[in-house]
PDB file of N, CA and C in Angstrom:
ATOM      1  N   UNK A   1     187.220 131.796 220.971  1.00  0.00           N
ATOM      2  CA  UNK A   1     187.758 133.120 221.070  1.00  0.00           C
ATOM      3  C   UNK A   1     186.558 134.157 220.687  1.00  0.00           C
ATOM      4  N   UNK A   2     186.321 135.179 221.381  1.00  0.00           N
ATOM      5  CA  UNK A   2     184.914 135.908 221.366  1.00  0.00           C
ATOM      6  C   UNK A   2     185.288 137.025 220.347  1.00  0.00           C
ATOM      7  N   UNK A   3     184.115 137.462 219.551  1.00  0.00           N
ATOM      8  CA  UNK A   3     184.413 138.668 218.587  1.00  0.00           C
ATOM      9  C   UNK A   3     184.510 139.821 219.529  1.00  0.00           C
ATOM     10  N   UNK A   4     185.066 140.902 218.899  1.00  0.00           N
ATOM     11  CA  UNK A   4     185.040 142.188 219.717  1.00  0.00           C
ATOM     12  C   UNK A   4     183.888 142.730 220.127  1.00  0.00           C
ATOM     13  N   UNK A   5     182.950 143.004 219.424  1.00  0.00           N
ATOM     14  CA  UNK A   5     181.624 143.313 219.963  1.00  0.00           C
ATOM     15  C   UNK A   5     181.097 142.383 221.198  1.00  0.00           C
ATOM     16  N   UNK A   6     181.438 141.247 221.054  1.00  0.00           N
ATOM     17  CA  UNK A   6     180.708 140.211 222.095  1.00  0.00           C
ATOM     18  C   UNK A   6     181.525 140.446 223.257  1.00  0.00           C
ATOM     19  N   UNK A   7     182.998 140.370 223.143  1.00  0.00           N
ATOM     20  CA  UNK A   7     183.655 140.661 224.377  1.00  0.00           C
ATOM     21  C   UNK A   7     183.638 142.131 225.058  1.00  0.00           C
ATOM     22  N   UNK A   8     183.400 143.153 224.488  1.00  0.00           N
ATOM     23  CA  UNK A   8     183.057 144.197 225.039  1.00  0.00           C
ATOM     24  C   UNK A   8     181.774 144.272 225.836  1.00  0.00           C
ATOM     25  N   UNK A   9     180.615 143.605 225.275  1.00  0.00           N
ATOM     26  CA  UNK A   9     179.457 143.438 225.922  1.00  0.00           C
ATOM     27  C   UNK A   9     179.529 142.546 227.184  1.00  0.00           C
ATOM     28  N   UNK A  10     180.445 141.505 226.862  1.00  0.00           N
ATOM     29  CA  UNK A  10     180.600 140.630 228.086  1.00  0.00           C
ATOM     30  C   UNK A  10     181.319 141.323 229.345  1.00  0.00           C
ATOM     31  N   UNK A  11     182.537 142.087 229.073  1.00  0.00           N
ATOM     32  CA  UNK A  11     183.050 142.912 230.092  1.00  0.00           C
ATOM     33  C   UNK A  11     182.170 143.977 230.697  1.00  0.00           C
ATOM     34  N   UNK A  12     181.586 144.619 229.844  1.00  0.00           N
ATOM     35  CA  UNK A  12     180.700 145.764 230.388  1.00  0.00           C
ATOM     36  C   UNK A  12     179.612 145.162 231.185  1.00  0.00           C
ATOM     37  N   UNK A  13     178.965 144.009 230.655  1.00  0.00           N
ATOM     38  CA  UNK A  13     177.860 143.352 231.599  1.00  0.00           C
ATOM     39  C   UNK A  13     178.593 142.856 233.035  1.00  0.00           C
ATOM     40  N   UNK A  14     179.603 142.048 232.935  1.00  0.00           N
ATOM     41  CA  UNK A  14     180.384 141.838 234.052  1.00  0.00           C
ATOM     42  C   UNK A  14     180.482 142.928 234.901  1.00  0.00           C
ATOM     43  N   UNK A  15     181.041 144.003 234.596  1.00  0.00           N
ATOM     44  CA  UNK A  15     181.481 145.223 235.451  1.00  0.00           C
ATOM     45  C   UNK A  15     180.003 145.656 236.064  1.00  0.00           C
ATOM     46  N   UNK A  16     179.171 145.792 235.102  1.00  0.00           N
ATOM     47  CA  UNK A  16     177.723 146.559 235.419  1.00  0.00           C
ATOM     48  C   UNK A  16     177.105 145.632 236.541  1.00  0.00           C
ATOM     49  N   UNK A  17     177.470 144.193 236.553  1.00  0.00           N
ATOM     50  CA  UNK A  17     176.690 143.398 237.606  1.00  0.00           C
ATOM     51  C   UNK A  17     177.490 143.359 238.878  1.00  0.00           C
ATOM     52  N   UNK A  18     178.798 144.274 239.066  1.00  0.00           N
ATOM     53  CA  UNK A  18     179.478 144.154 240.261  1.00  0.00           C
ATOM     54  C   UNK A  18     180.650 143.437 240.063  1.00  0.00           C
ATOM     55  N   UNK A  19     181.069 142.675 239.075  1.00  0.00           N
ATOM     56  CA  UNK A  19     182.062 141.725 238.966  1.00  0.00           C
ATOM     57  C   UNK A  19     183.463 142.575 238.584  1.00  0.00           C
ATOM     58  N   UNK A  20     184.473 141.907 238.489  1.00  0.00           N
ATOM     59  CA  UNK A  20     185.772 142.646 238.168  1.00  0.00           C
ATOM     60  C   UNK A  20     186.482 141.774 237.043  1.00  0.00           C
ATOM     61  N   UNK A  21     186.727 142.538 235.986  1.00  0.00           N
ATOM     62  CA  UNK A  21     187.382 141.945 234.915  1.00  0.00           C
ATOM     63  C   UNK A  21     189.017 142.362 234.920  1.00  0.00           C
ATOM     64  N   UNK A  22     189.950 141.378 234.588  1.00  0.00           N
ATOM     65  CA  UNK A  22     191.263 141.990 234.502  1.00  0.00           C
ATOM     66  C   UNK A  22     192.079 141.155 233.378  1.00  0.00           C
ATOM     67  N   UNK A  23     192.894 141.885 232.765  1.00  0.00           N
ATOM     68  CA  UNK A  23     193.753 141.475 231.720  1.00  0.00           C
ATOM     69  C   UNK A  23     194.766 140.546 232.280  1.00  0.00           C
ATOM     70  N   UNK A  24     194.611 139.287 231.854  1.00  0.00           N
ATOM     71  CA  UNK A  24     195.656 138.210 232.275  1.00  0.00           C
ATOM     72  C   UNK A  24     196.920 138.112 231.335  1.00  0.00           C
ATOM     73  N   UNK A  25     196.580 138.239 230.126  1.00  0.00           N
ATOM     74  CA  UNK A  25     197.736 138.238 229.171  1.00  0.00           C
ATOM     75  C   UNK A  25     197.321 139.156 227.948  1.00  0.00           C
ATOM     76  N   UNK A  26     198.431 139.686 227.080  1.00  0.00           N
ATOM     77  CA  UNK A  26     198.136 140.426 226.161  1.00  0.00           C
ATOM     78  C   UNK A  26     199.295 140.278 225.088  1.00  0.00           C
ATOM     79  N   UNK A  27     199.005 140.073 223.859  1.00  0.00           N
ATOM     80  CA  UNK A  27     200.145 140.163 222.869  1.00  0.00           C
ATOM     81  C   UNK A  27     199.574 141.073 221.674  1.00  0.00           C
ATOM     82  N   UNK A  28     200.363 140.651 220.705  1.00  0.00           N
ATOM     83  CA  UNK A  28     200.076 141.578 219.398  1.00  0.00           C
ATOM     84  C   UNK A  28     198.784 141.038 218.670  1.00  0.00           C
ATOM     85  N   UNK A  29     198.465 140.007 218.972  1.00  0.00           N
ATOM     86  CA  UNK A  29     197.172 139.399 218.393  1.00  0.00           C
ATOM     87  C   UNK A  29     195.891 139.217 219.119  1.00  0.00           C
ATOM     88  N   UNK A  30     196.053 139.058 220.500  1.00  0.00           N
ATOM     89  CA  UNK A  30     194.953 138.715 221.283  1.00  0.00           C
ATOM     90  C   UNK A  30     195.162 139.295 222.769  1.00  0.00           C
ATOM     91  N   UNK A  31     194.097 139.376 223.558  1.00  0.00           N
ATOM     92  CA  UNK A  31     193.936 139.745 225.028  1.00  0.00           C
ATOM     93  C   UNK A  31     192.934 138.633 225.643  1.00  0.00           C
ATOM     94  N   UNK A  32     193.703 138.031 226.916  1.00  0.00           N
ATOM     95  CA  UNK A  32     192.966 137.212 227.546  1.00  0.00           C
ATOM     96  C   UNK A  32     192.419 137.853 228.853  1.00  0.00           C
ATOM     97  N   UNK A  33     191.101 137.648 229.331  1.00  0.00           N
ATOM     98  CA  UNK A  33     190.582 138.355 230.356  1.00  0.00           C
ATOM     99  C   UNK A  33     190.076 137.348 231.452  1.00  0.00           C
ATOM    100  N   UNK A  34     190.394 137.767 232.878  1.00  0.00           N
ATOM    101  CA  UNK A  34     189.759 136.867 233.838  1.00  0.00           C
ATOM    102  C   UNK A  34     188.699 137.706 234.352  1.00  0.00           C
ATOM    103  N   UNK A  35     187.729 136.770 234.554  1.00  0.00           N
ATOM    104  CA  UNK A  35     186.301 137.505 235.133  1.00  0.00           C
ATOM    105  C   UNK A  35     186.375 136.944 236.508  1.00  0.00           C
ATOM    106  N   UNK A  36     186.394 138.015 237.582  1.00  0.00           N
ATOM    107  CA  UNK A  36     186.516 137.668 238.991  1.00  0.00           C
ATOM    108  C   UNK A  36     185.250 138.277 239.710  1.00  0.00           C
ATOM    109  N   UNK A  37     185.046 137.529 240.990  1.00  0.00           N
ATOM    110  CA  UNK A  37     183.835 137.784 241.703  1.00  0.00           C
ATOM    111  C   UNK A  37     184.072 139.460 242.114  1.00  0.00           C
ATOM    112  N   UNK A  38     183.030 139.966 242.802  1.00  0.00           N
ATOM    113  CA  UNK A  38     183.031 141.454 243.043  1.00  0.00           C
ATOM    114  C   UNK A  38     184.161 141.871 244.082  1.00  0.00           C
ATOM    115  N   UNK A  39     184.551 140.896 244.943  1.00  0.00           N
ATOM    116  CA  UNK A  39     185.680 141.412 245.854  1.00  0.00           C
ATOM    117  C   UNK A  39     187.058 140.941 245.112  1.00  0.00           C
ATOM    118  N   UNK A  40     187.118 140.437 243.743  1.00  0.00           N
ATOM    119  CA  UNK A  40     188.270 140.169 242.912  1.00  0.00           C
ATOM    120  C   UNK A  40     189.142 138.884 243.810  1.00  0.00           C
ATOM    121  N   UNK A  41     188.473 138.322 244.493  1.00  0.00           N
ATOM    122  CA  UNK A  41     189.178 137.102 245.113  1.00  0.00           C
ATOM    123  C   UNK A  41     189.094 135.655 244.478  1.00  0.00           C
ATOM    124  N   UNK A  42     188.094 135.424 243.484  1.00  0.00           N
ATOM    125  CA  UNK A  42     188.040 134.105 242.990  1.00  0.00           C
ATOM    126  C   UNK A  42     187.721 134.646 241.458  1.00  0.00           C
ATOM    127  N   UNK A  43     188.580 133.813 240.643  1.00  0.00           N
ATOM    128  CA  UNK A  43     188.308 134.125 239.104  1.00  0.00           C
ATOM    129  C   UNK A  43     187.236 133.126 238.670  1.00  0.00           C
ATOM    130  N   UNK A  44     186.313 133.533 237.996  1.00  0.00           N
ATOM    131  CA  UNK A  44     184.998 132.679 237.789  1.00  0.00           C
ATOM    132  C   UNK A  44     185.208 132.140 236.385  1.00  0.00           C
ATOM    133  N   UNK A  45     185.716 132.876 235.476  1.00  0.00           N
ATOM    134  CA  UNK A  45     185.983 132.353 234.069  1.00  0.00           C
ATOM    135  C   UNK A  45     186.758 133.263 233.405  1.00  0.00           C
ATOM    136  N   UNK A  46     187.216 132.637 232.240  1.00  0.00           N
ATOM    137  CA  UNK A  46     188.371 133.241 231.553  1.00  0.00           C
ATOM    138  C   UNK A  46     187.831 133.593 230.037  1.00  0.00           C
ATOM    139  N   UNK A  47     187.994 134.662 229.333  1.00  0.00           N
ATOM    140  CA  UNK A  47     187.565 134.780 227.898  1.00  0.00           C
ATOM    141  C   UNK A  47     188.874 135.289 227.090  1.00  0.00           C
ATOM    142  N   UNK A  48     188.734 135.047 225.931  1.00  0.00           N
ATOM    143  CA  UNK A  48     190.040 135.840 224.932  1.00  0.00           C
ATOM    144  C   UNK A  48     189.158 136.506 223.930  1.00  0.00           C
ATOM    145  N   UNK A  49     189.845 137.477 223.381  1.00  0.00           N
ATOM    146  CA  UNK A  49     189.337 138.274 222.219  1.00  0.00           C
ATOM    147  C   UNK A  49     190.515 138.608 221.236  1.00  0.00           C
ATOM    148  N   UNK A  50     190.368 138.742 219.876  1.00  0.00           N
ATOM    149  CA  UNK A  50     191.345 139.383 219.052  1.00  0.00           C
ATOM    150  C   UNK A  50     191.531 140.885 219.626  1.00  0.00           C
ATOM    151  N   UNK A  51     192.747 141.254 219.328  1.00  0.00           N
ATOM    152  CA  UNK A  51     193.270 142.537 219.714  1.00  0.00           C
ATOM    153  C   UNK A  51     192.930 143.655 218.415  1.00  0.00           C
ATOM    154  N   UNK A  52     191.837 144.276 218.800  1.00  0.00           N
ATOM    155  CA  UNK A  52     191.273 145.183 217.619  1.00  0.00           C
ATOM    156  C   UNK A  52     191.463 146.586 218.291  1.00  0.00           C
ATOM    157  N   UNK A  53     191.066 147.534 217.318  1.00  0.00           N
ATOM    158  CA  UNK A  53     191.143 149.131 217.552  1.00  0.00           C
ATOM    159  C   UNK A  53     189.840 149.273 218.565  1.00  0.00           C
ATOM    160  N   UNK A  54     188.731 148.681 218.246  1.00  0.00           N
ATOM    161  CA  UNK A  54     187.593 148.755 219.098  1.00  0.00           C
ATOM    162  C   UNK A  54     187.744 148.240 220.363  1.00  0.00           C
ATOM    163  N   UNK A  55     188.447 147.189 220.795  1.00  0.00           N
ATOM    164  CA  UNK A  55     188.763 146.802 222.020  1.00  0.00           C
ATOM    165  C   UNK A  55     189.652 147.509 222.738  1.00  0.00           C
ATOM    166  N   UNK A  56     190.866 148.069 222.101  1.00  0.00           N
ATOM    167  CA  UNK A  56     191.670 148.964 222.578  1.00  0.00           C
ATOM    168  C   UNK A  56     190.904 150.443 222.945  1.00  0.00           C
ATOM    169  N   UNK A  57     190.066 150.812 222.263  1.00  0.00           N
ATOM    170  CA  UNK A  57     189.371 151.895 222.574  1.00  0.00           C
ATOM    171  C   UNK A  57     188.537 151.808 223.852  1.00  0.00           C
ATOM    172  N   UNK A  58     187.797 150.487 223.971  1.00  0.00           N
ATOM    173  CA  UNK A  58     187.166 150.291 225.128  1.00  0.00           C
ATOM    174  C   UNK A  58     188.141 150.115 226.448  1.00  0.00           C
ATOM    175  N   UNK A  59     189.249 149.515 226.132  1.00  0.00           N
ATOM    176  CA  UNK A  59     190.038 149.469 227.240  1.00  0.00           C
ATOM    177  C   UNK A  59     190.687 150.759 227.815  1.00  0.00           C
ATOM    178  N   UNK A  60     191.112 151.565 226.740  1.00  0.00           N
ATOM    179  CA  UNK A  60     191.464 152.892 227.065  1.00  0.00           C
ATOM    180  C   UNK A  60     192.738 152.957 228.154  1.00  0.00           C
ATOM    181  N   UNK A  61     193.635 152.015 227.776  1.00  0.00           N
ATOM    182  CA  UNK A  61     194.903 151.806 228.621  1.00  0.00           C
ATOM    183  C   UNK A  61     194.636 150.928 229.921  1.00  0.00           C
ATOM    184  N   UNK A  62     193.334 150.821 230.225  1.00  0.00           N
ATOM    185  CA  UNK A  62     193.030 149.992 231.510  1.00  0.00           C
ATOM    186  C   UNK A  62     193.496 148.411 231.395  1.00  0.00           C
ATOM    187  N   UNK A  63     193.841 147.983 232.369  1.00  0.00           N
ATOM    188  CA  UNK A  63     194.363 146.471 232.651  1.00  0.00           C
ATOM    189  C   UNK A  63     193.304 145.926 233.450  1.00  0.00           C
ATOM    190  N   UNK A  64     192.284 146.568 233.953  1.00  0.00           N
ATOM    191  CA  UNK A  64     191.384 145.979 234.847  1.00  0.00           C
ATOM    192  C   UNK A  64     190.085 147.202 234.845  1.00  0.00           C
ATOM    193  N   UNK A  65     188.868 146.337 235.263  1.00  0.00           N
ATOM    194  CA  UNK A  65     187.805 147.410 235.644  1.00  0.00           C
ATOM    195  C   UNK A  65     187.974 148.423 236.685  1.00  0.00           C
ATOM    196  N   UNK A  66     188.861 147.795 237.524  1.00  0.00           N
ATOM    197  CA  UNK A  66     189.261 148.714 238.724  1.00  0.00           C
ATOM    198  C   UNK A  66     189.939 149.733 238.448  1.00  0.00           C
ATOM    199  N   UNK A  67     190.438 150.131 237.168  1.00  0.00           N
ATOM    200  CA  UNK A  67     191.065 151.320 236.849  1.00  0.00           C
ATOM    201  C   UNK A  67     192.313 150.895 236.150  1.00  0.00           C
ATOM    202  N   UNK A  68     193.149 151.948 236.154  1.00  0.00           N
ATOM    203  CA  UNK A  68     194.629 151.930 235.451  1.00  0.00           C
ATOM    204  C   UNK A  68     195.590 151.386 236.262  1.00  0.00           C
ATOM    205  N   UNK A  69     195.825 149.963 236.445  1.00  0.00           N
ATOM    206  CA  UNK A  69     196.748 149.118 237.163  1.00  0.00           C
ATOM    207  C   UNK A  69     197.943 149.122 236.134  1.00  0.00           C
ATOM    208  N   UNK A  70     199.104 148.813 236.937  1.00  0.00           N
ATOM    209  CA  UNK A  70     200.469 148.611 236.115  1.00  0.00           C
ATOM    210  C   UNK A  70     200.993 147.300 236.432  1.00  0.00           C
TER     211      UNK A  70
END
């Protein structure tokens, strides 16, 4: 499981490089993300992080780098 600063950096770097990240699952303790290709068609990796205030601030209600999905 990644630390919060590490996961925020990873997600930001993935998105900046053109990839898409999506929340795969979320509970009271952790969040699991899928890292997808730029077209969103293939999951390349999966990472998890503790659910912290810093991570929630980064997500700002988003479930994907594509925006506010429900």
